[in-house]
């Protein structure tokens, strides 16, 4: 099933990300190559833990799949590690264009595929490593997407996936603005993520729910991670605007949050072995 065959929910997600790929706001420069380089530099400055989690060098000589290539910064790192084969998949032509151009500037190669995560057009047991950063929680049926990751991995293969954590600092900020401040203090976090964070229907999970999602895997480790959004860095919160957000960004107690709220980060880093 191609990305063009999905239902209304999937079409809404595709349309959202086709307007601008994740991180495109950081693509600043005089030409396309410099814009892509600027986006990658900002990405790894704001999220230095990506490199530690992904462990790009382990791709050498292996068959690698990335689900959700976005602007292609991570995909370039996978390509540079010299995998035996590399496949990058995304729901939008926009993301595939960015990634194709980034690889061309570096003279790197990969097979880029337009498809959705719930229906990977790939054979069983084809990959040693599947990577997906902040993508599967946007899929209407995240459990089906995780099942597809399991299917295309070989026995002993690794999945490295980031999904959102429900009870996070970001979640509480959404509740303050779109729940409490609007006279709806009992509005659920699931509703707030689905309607006010990113693409329509965005989901978030508890640590326990993340383990359940990946229960078919032989080994699973889930680690919460404070994101730059929790710390109100970069462009985090810009979409929500207003004077209150400007004041919060200026006064945000980042050192304190790092010390006492490290487990309440937006990100859940999942390392799983099939």
Protein backbone atom coordinates (compact mmCIF):
# COMPACT_ATOMS: atom_id res chain seq x y z
CA UNK A 1 0.00 0.00 0.00
CA UNK A 2 1.54 3.29 -1.03
CA UNK A 3 1.28 6.57 0.84
CA UNK A 4 -1.29 7.69 -1.75
CA UNK A 5 -3.70 4.90 -0.72
CA UNK A 6 -4.11 5.87 2.94
CA UNK A 7 -7.21 7.11 4.67
CA UNK A 8 -8.12 10.63 5.66
CA UNK A 9 -5.96 10.59 8.80
CA UNK A 10 -2.87 9.65 6.84
CA UNK A 11 -3.65 12.27 4.19
CA UNK A 12 -3.88 14.93 6.89
CA UNK A 13 -0.49 13.92 8.25
CA UNK A 14 1.04 13.93 4.77
CA UNK A 15 -0.36 17.37 3.96
CA UNK A 16 0.99 18.81 7.21
CA UNK A 17 4.56 17.65 6.60
CA UNK A 18 4.45 18.43 2.89
CA UNK A 19 4.04 22.10 3.81
CA UNK A 20 7.38 22.05 5.65
CA UNK A 21 9.62 19.18 6.69
CA UNK A 22 10.60 18.93 10.33
CA UNK A 23 13.48 21.33 11.01
CA UNK A 24 13.06 23.29 7.80
CA UNK A 25 12.85 26.50 9.84
CA UNK A 26 16.59 26.12 10.49
CA UNK A 27 17.49 25.82 6.79
CA UNK A 28 18.95 29.32 6.36
CA UNK A 29 21.55 30.32 3.80
CA UNK A 30 22.30 31.83 0.43
CA UNK A 31 21.94 28.58 -1.54
CA UNK A 32 20.43 25.14 -1.15
CA UNK A 33 23.59 23.41 0.02
CA UNK A 34 24.31 25.99 2.72
CA UNK A 35 20.69 25.87 3.86
CA UNK A 36 20.84 22.11 4.27
CA UNK A 37 24.17 22.36 6.10
CA UNK A 38 22.75 25.01 8.43
CA UNK A 39 19.78 22.81 9.26
CA UNK A 40 22.02 19.84 10.09
CA UNK A 41 24.36 21.95 12.23
CA UNK A 42 21.45 23.36 14.21
CA UNK A 43 19.86 19.92 14.56
CA UNK A 44 22.94 18.38 16.19
CA UNK A 45 23.62 21.47 18.31
CA UNK A 46 20.09 21.34 19.75
CA UNK A 47 19.97 17.55 19.92
CA UNK A 48 23.50 16.24 20.56
CA UNK A 49 22.07 13.01 21.98
CA UNK A 50 21.00 11.93 18.49
CA UNK A 51 24.52 10.83 17.62
CA UNK A 52 24.92 8.87 20.85
CA UNK A 53 21.58 7.15 20.36
CA UNK A 54 21.84 6.44 16.62
CA UNK A 55 25.46 5.22 16.72
CA UNK A 56 25.83 5.90 13.02
CA UNK A 57 29.20 4.15 12.75
CA UNK A 58 27.54 0.80 13.45
CA UNK A 59 25.94 0.94 10.00
CA UNK A 60 29.22 -0.04 8.33
CA UNK A 61 28.71 -3.16 6.22
CA UNK A 62 25.09 -3.58 7.30
CA UNK A 63 21.70 -3.19 5.66
CA UNK A 64 20.02 -0.07 7.09
CA UNK A 65 16.52 1.40 6.81
CA UNK A 66 15.50 4.87 8.01
CA UNK A 67 11.76 5.48 8.36
CA UNK A 68 11.01 9.19 8.02
CA UNK A 69 14.07 10.84 6.49
CA UNK A 70 12.76 14.40 6.93
CA UNK A 71 15.45 16.91 5.93
CA UNK A 72 17.96 14.09 5.46
CA UNK A 73 20.59 15.09 8.03
CA UNK A 74 20.59 11.71 9.76
CA UNK A 75 20.32 9.89 6.45
CA UNK A 76 23.54 11.54 5.30
CA UNK A 77 25.24 10.28 8.47
CA UNK A 78 24.04 6.75 7.79
CA UNK A 79 25.35 7.00 4.22
CA UNK A 80 28.73 8.27 5.41
CA UNK A 81 29.09 5.17 7.61
CA UNK A 82 29.29 3.01 4.47
CA UNK A 83 26.44 0.54 4.99
CA UNK A 84 26.10 -2.42 2.67
CA UNK A 85 22.73 -1.00 1.63
CA UNK A 86 20.72 2.03 2.74
CA UNK A 87 17.01 2.68 2.23
CA UNK A 88 15.28 5.90 3.26
CA UNK A 89 11.51 6.11 3.39
CA UNK A 90 9.19 9.06 3.86
CA UNK A 91 5.53 9.96 3.51
CA UNK A 92 6.18 13.17 1.57
CA UNK A 93 7.88 14.03 -1.73
CA UNK A 94 9.20 17.19 -0.04
CA UNK A 95 11.30 15.21 2.43
CA UNK A 96 12.60 12.89 -0.26
CA UNK A 97 13.63 15.93 -2.34
CA UNK A 98 15.58 17.44 0.58
CA UNK A 99 17.29 14.13 1.29
CA UNK A 100 18.09 13.41 -2.35
CA UNK A 101 19.69 16.84 -2.74
CA UNK A 102 21.67 16.52 0.48
CA UNK A 103 23.07 13.17 -0.60
CA UNK A 104 23.91 14.54 -4.05
CA UNK A 105 25.91 17.42 -2.57
CA UNK A 106 27.97 14.88 -0.59
CA UNK A 107 28.14 12.38 -3.47
CA UNK A 108 26.43 9.79 -1.28
CA UNK A 109 23.79 7.32 -2.41
CA UNK A 110 20.70 5.63 -0.99
CA UNK A 111 17.44 4.14 -2.21
CA UNK A 112 14.68 6.64 -1.38
CA UNK A 113 11.09 5.42 -1.24
CA UNK A 114 7.76 7.25 -0.97
CA UNK A 115 5.58 5.18 1.36
CA UNK A 116 3.97 5.14 4.79
CA UNK A 117 5.34 3.43 7.89
CA UNK A 118 2.34 1.15 8.34
CA UNK A 119 2.83 -0.52 4.94
CA UNK A 120 6.53 -0.79 4.19
CA UNK A 121 7.00 -1.92 0.55
CA UNK A 122 9.98 -4.02 1.64
CA UNK A 123 10.58 -7.75 2.13
CA UNK A 124 10.63 -9.60 5.42
CA UNK A 125 13.91 -9.84 7.34
CA UNK A 126 15.75 -7.49 4.96
CA UNK A 127 17.58 -5.19 7.40
CA UNK A 128 20.09 -5.35 10.21
CA UNK A 129 19.15 -1.93 11.58
CA UNK A 130 15.99 0.17 11.41
CA UNK A 131 16.09 3.77 12.61
CA UNK A 132 13.26 6.25 13.05
CA UNK A 133 13.54 9.57 14.89
CA UNK A 134 10.26 11.18 15.92
CA UNK A 135 8.13 9.67 13.18
CA UNK A 136 6.09 6.63 14.23
CA UNK A 137 3.93 8.58 16.69
CA UNK A 138 2.59 10.59 13.73
CA UNK A 139 1.30 7.46 11.99
CA UNK A 140 -2.43 6.85 12.53
CA UNK A 141 -1.70 3.27 13.64
CA UNK A 142 1.63 3.40 15.46
CA UNK A 143 1.34 -0.22 16.61
CA UNK A 144 1.07 -1.31 12.96
CA UNK A 145 4.18 0.74 12.13
CA UNK A 146 6.12 -0.92 14.96
CA UNK A 147 4.97 -4.32 13.70
CA UNK A 148 6.36 -3.40 10.29
CA UNK A 149 9.71 -2.50 11.87
CA UNK A 150 9.75 -5.94 13.49
CA UNK A 151 8.82 -7.64 10.22
CA UNK A 152 11.58 -6.12 8.09
CA UNK A 153 14.31 -6.71 10.69
CA UNK A 154 16.39 -9.86 10.66
CA UNK A 155 16.58 -11.93 13.86
CA UNK A 156 19.13 -10.15 16.05
CA UNK A 157 18.60 -6.90 14.16
CA UNK A 158 18.31 -3.59 16.00
CA UNK A 159 15.54 -0.99 16.03
CA UNK A 160 16.40 2.51 17.26
CA UNK A 161 13.24 4.57 17.51
CA UNK A 162 12.22 7.82 19.18
CA UNK A 163 8.59 8.45 20.07
CA UNK A 164 7.00 11.06 22.32
CA UNK A 165 6.39 10.69 26.05
CA UNK A 166 2.95 11.75 27.26
CA UNK A 167 3.77 13.01 30.76
CA UNK A 168 6.49 15.41 29.68
CA UNK A 169 7.30 19.05 30.28
CA UNK A 170 6.00 19.78 26.78
CA UNK A 171 2.76 18.00 27.63
CA UNK A 172 2.32 20.08 30.78
CA UNK A 173 2.99 23.29 28.81
CA UNK A 174 0.31 22.31 26.31
CA UNK A 175 -2.08 21.68 29.21
CA UNK A 176 -1.35 25.09 30.73
CA UNK A 177 -2.04 26.91 27.45
CA UNK A 178 -4.78 24.83 25.85
CA UNK A 179 -6.34 23.28 28.94
CA UNK A 180 -6.12 25.35 32.10
CA UNK A 181 -5.91 28.77 30.43
CA UNK A 182 -8.98 27.97 28.32
CA UNK A 183 -11.08 26.83 31.26
CA UNK A 184 -10.70 23.14 30.40
CA UNK A 185 -8.44 21.77 33.18
CA UNK A 186 -9.65 18.20 32.61
CA UNK A 187 -8.64 18.15 28.95
CA UNK A 188 -6.53 15.04 28.42
CA UNK A 189 -2.92 15.19 27.31
CA UNK A 190 -3.70 12.80 24.46
CA UNK A 191 -6.15 15.37 23.06
CA UNK A 192 -3.60 18.17 23.42
CA UNK A 193 -0.85 16.28 21.59
CA UNK A 194 -3.26 15.31 18.82
CA UNK A 195 -4.52 18.85 18.25
CA UNK A 196 -1.81 21.29 19.31
CA UNK A 197 1.68 19.85 18.93
CA UNK A 198 2.53 18.94 15.34
CA UNK A 199 0.64 17.02 12.66
CA UNK A 200 -2.99 16.06 13.35
CA UNK A 201 -3.31 12.97 15.52
CA UNK A 202 0.20 13.10 17.00
CA UNK A 203 0.41 10.59 19.86
CA UNK A 204 2.50 10.22 23.00
CA UNK A 205 3.09 7.28 25.32
CA UNK A 206 4.10 6.34 28.83
CA UNK A 207 7.27 4.32 29.34
CA UNK A 208 5.13 1.26 30.07
CA UNK A 209 3.13 1.75 26.89
CA UNK A 210 6.36 2.01 24.90
CA UNK A 211 7.47 -1.36 26.25
CA UNK A 212 4.08 -2.78 25.26
CA UNK A 213 4.38 -1.37 21.74
CA UNK A 214 7.70 -3.21 21.33
CA UNK A 215 6.74 -6.37 23.22
CA UNK A 216 7.35 -8.58 20.17
CA UNK A 217 11.07 -7.76 20.36
CA UNK A 218 13.46 -9.98 22.29
CA UNK A 219 15.15 -7.11 24.13
CA UNK A 220 13.81 -3.59 24.71
CA UNK A 221 15.26 -0.60 26.55
CA UNK A 222 13.35 2.68 26.90
CA UNK A 223 15.02 5.87 28.12
CA UNK A 224 13.34 9.28 28.56
CA UNK A 225 15.28 12.23 27.16
CA UNK A 226 14.80 15.95 27.75
CA UNK A 227 14.33 17.62 24.37
CA UNK A 228 15.11 21.15 23.30
CA UNK A 229 11.34 21.67 23.28
CA UNK A 230 11.13 20.84 26.99
CA UNK A 231 13.89 23.39 27.56
CA UNK A 232 12.25 25.99 25.28
CA UNK A 233 15.34 26.26 23.10
CA UNK A 234 15.61 26.86 19.37
CA UNK A 235 12.22 27.43 17.77
CA UNK A 236 10.38 25.40 20.42
CA UNK A 237 7.13 27.09 21.32
CA UNK A 238 7.27 29.55 18.42
CA UNK A 239 4.09 28.11 16.94
CA UNK A 240 2.21 28.84 20.16
CA UNK A 241 3.53 32.39 20.53
CA UNK A 242 2.11 35.07 22.78
CA UNK A 243 3.55 37.18 25.56
CA UNK A 244 3.35 34.35 28.09
CA UNK A 245 5.55 32.14 25.90
CA UNK A 246 8.10 34.94 25.44
CA UNK A 247 8.30 35.44 29.21
CA UNK A 248 8.57 31.69 29.79
CA UNK A 249 11.44 31.36 27.30
CA UNK A 250 13.33 34.18 29.05
CA UNK A 251 12.79 32.85 32.59
CA UNK A 252 12.78 29.09 31.96
CA UNK A 253 14.84 27.28 34.68
CA UNK A 254 16.81 25.05 32.31
CA UNK A 255 19.57 23.98 34.75
CA UNK A 256 16.96 23.05 37.36
CA UNK A 257 14.90 21.05 34.87
CA UNK A 258 17.98 19.16 33.73
CA UNK A 259 18.74 18.32 37.36
CA UNK A 260 15.31 17.29 38.64
CA UNK A 261 13.10 16.54 35.61
CA UNK A 262 15.35 14.52 33.31
CA UNK A 263 12.80 11.69 33.17
CA UNK A 264 10.04 14.08 32.04
CA UNK A 265 11.48 14.80 28.63
CA UNK A 266 9.35 14.69 25.51
CA UNK A 267 11.44 11.96 23.93
CA UNK A 268 11.42 8.23 24.63
CA UNK A 269 14.54 6.62 23.14
CA UNK A 270 13.79 2.99 22.35
CA UNK A 271 16.57 0.49 21.64
CA UNK A 272 15.13 -2.88 20.69
CA UNK A 273 16.54 -6.17 19.39
CA UNK A 274 14.42 -8.52 17.30
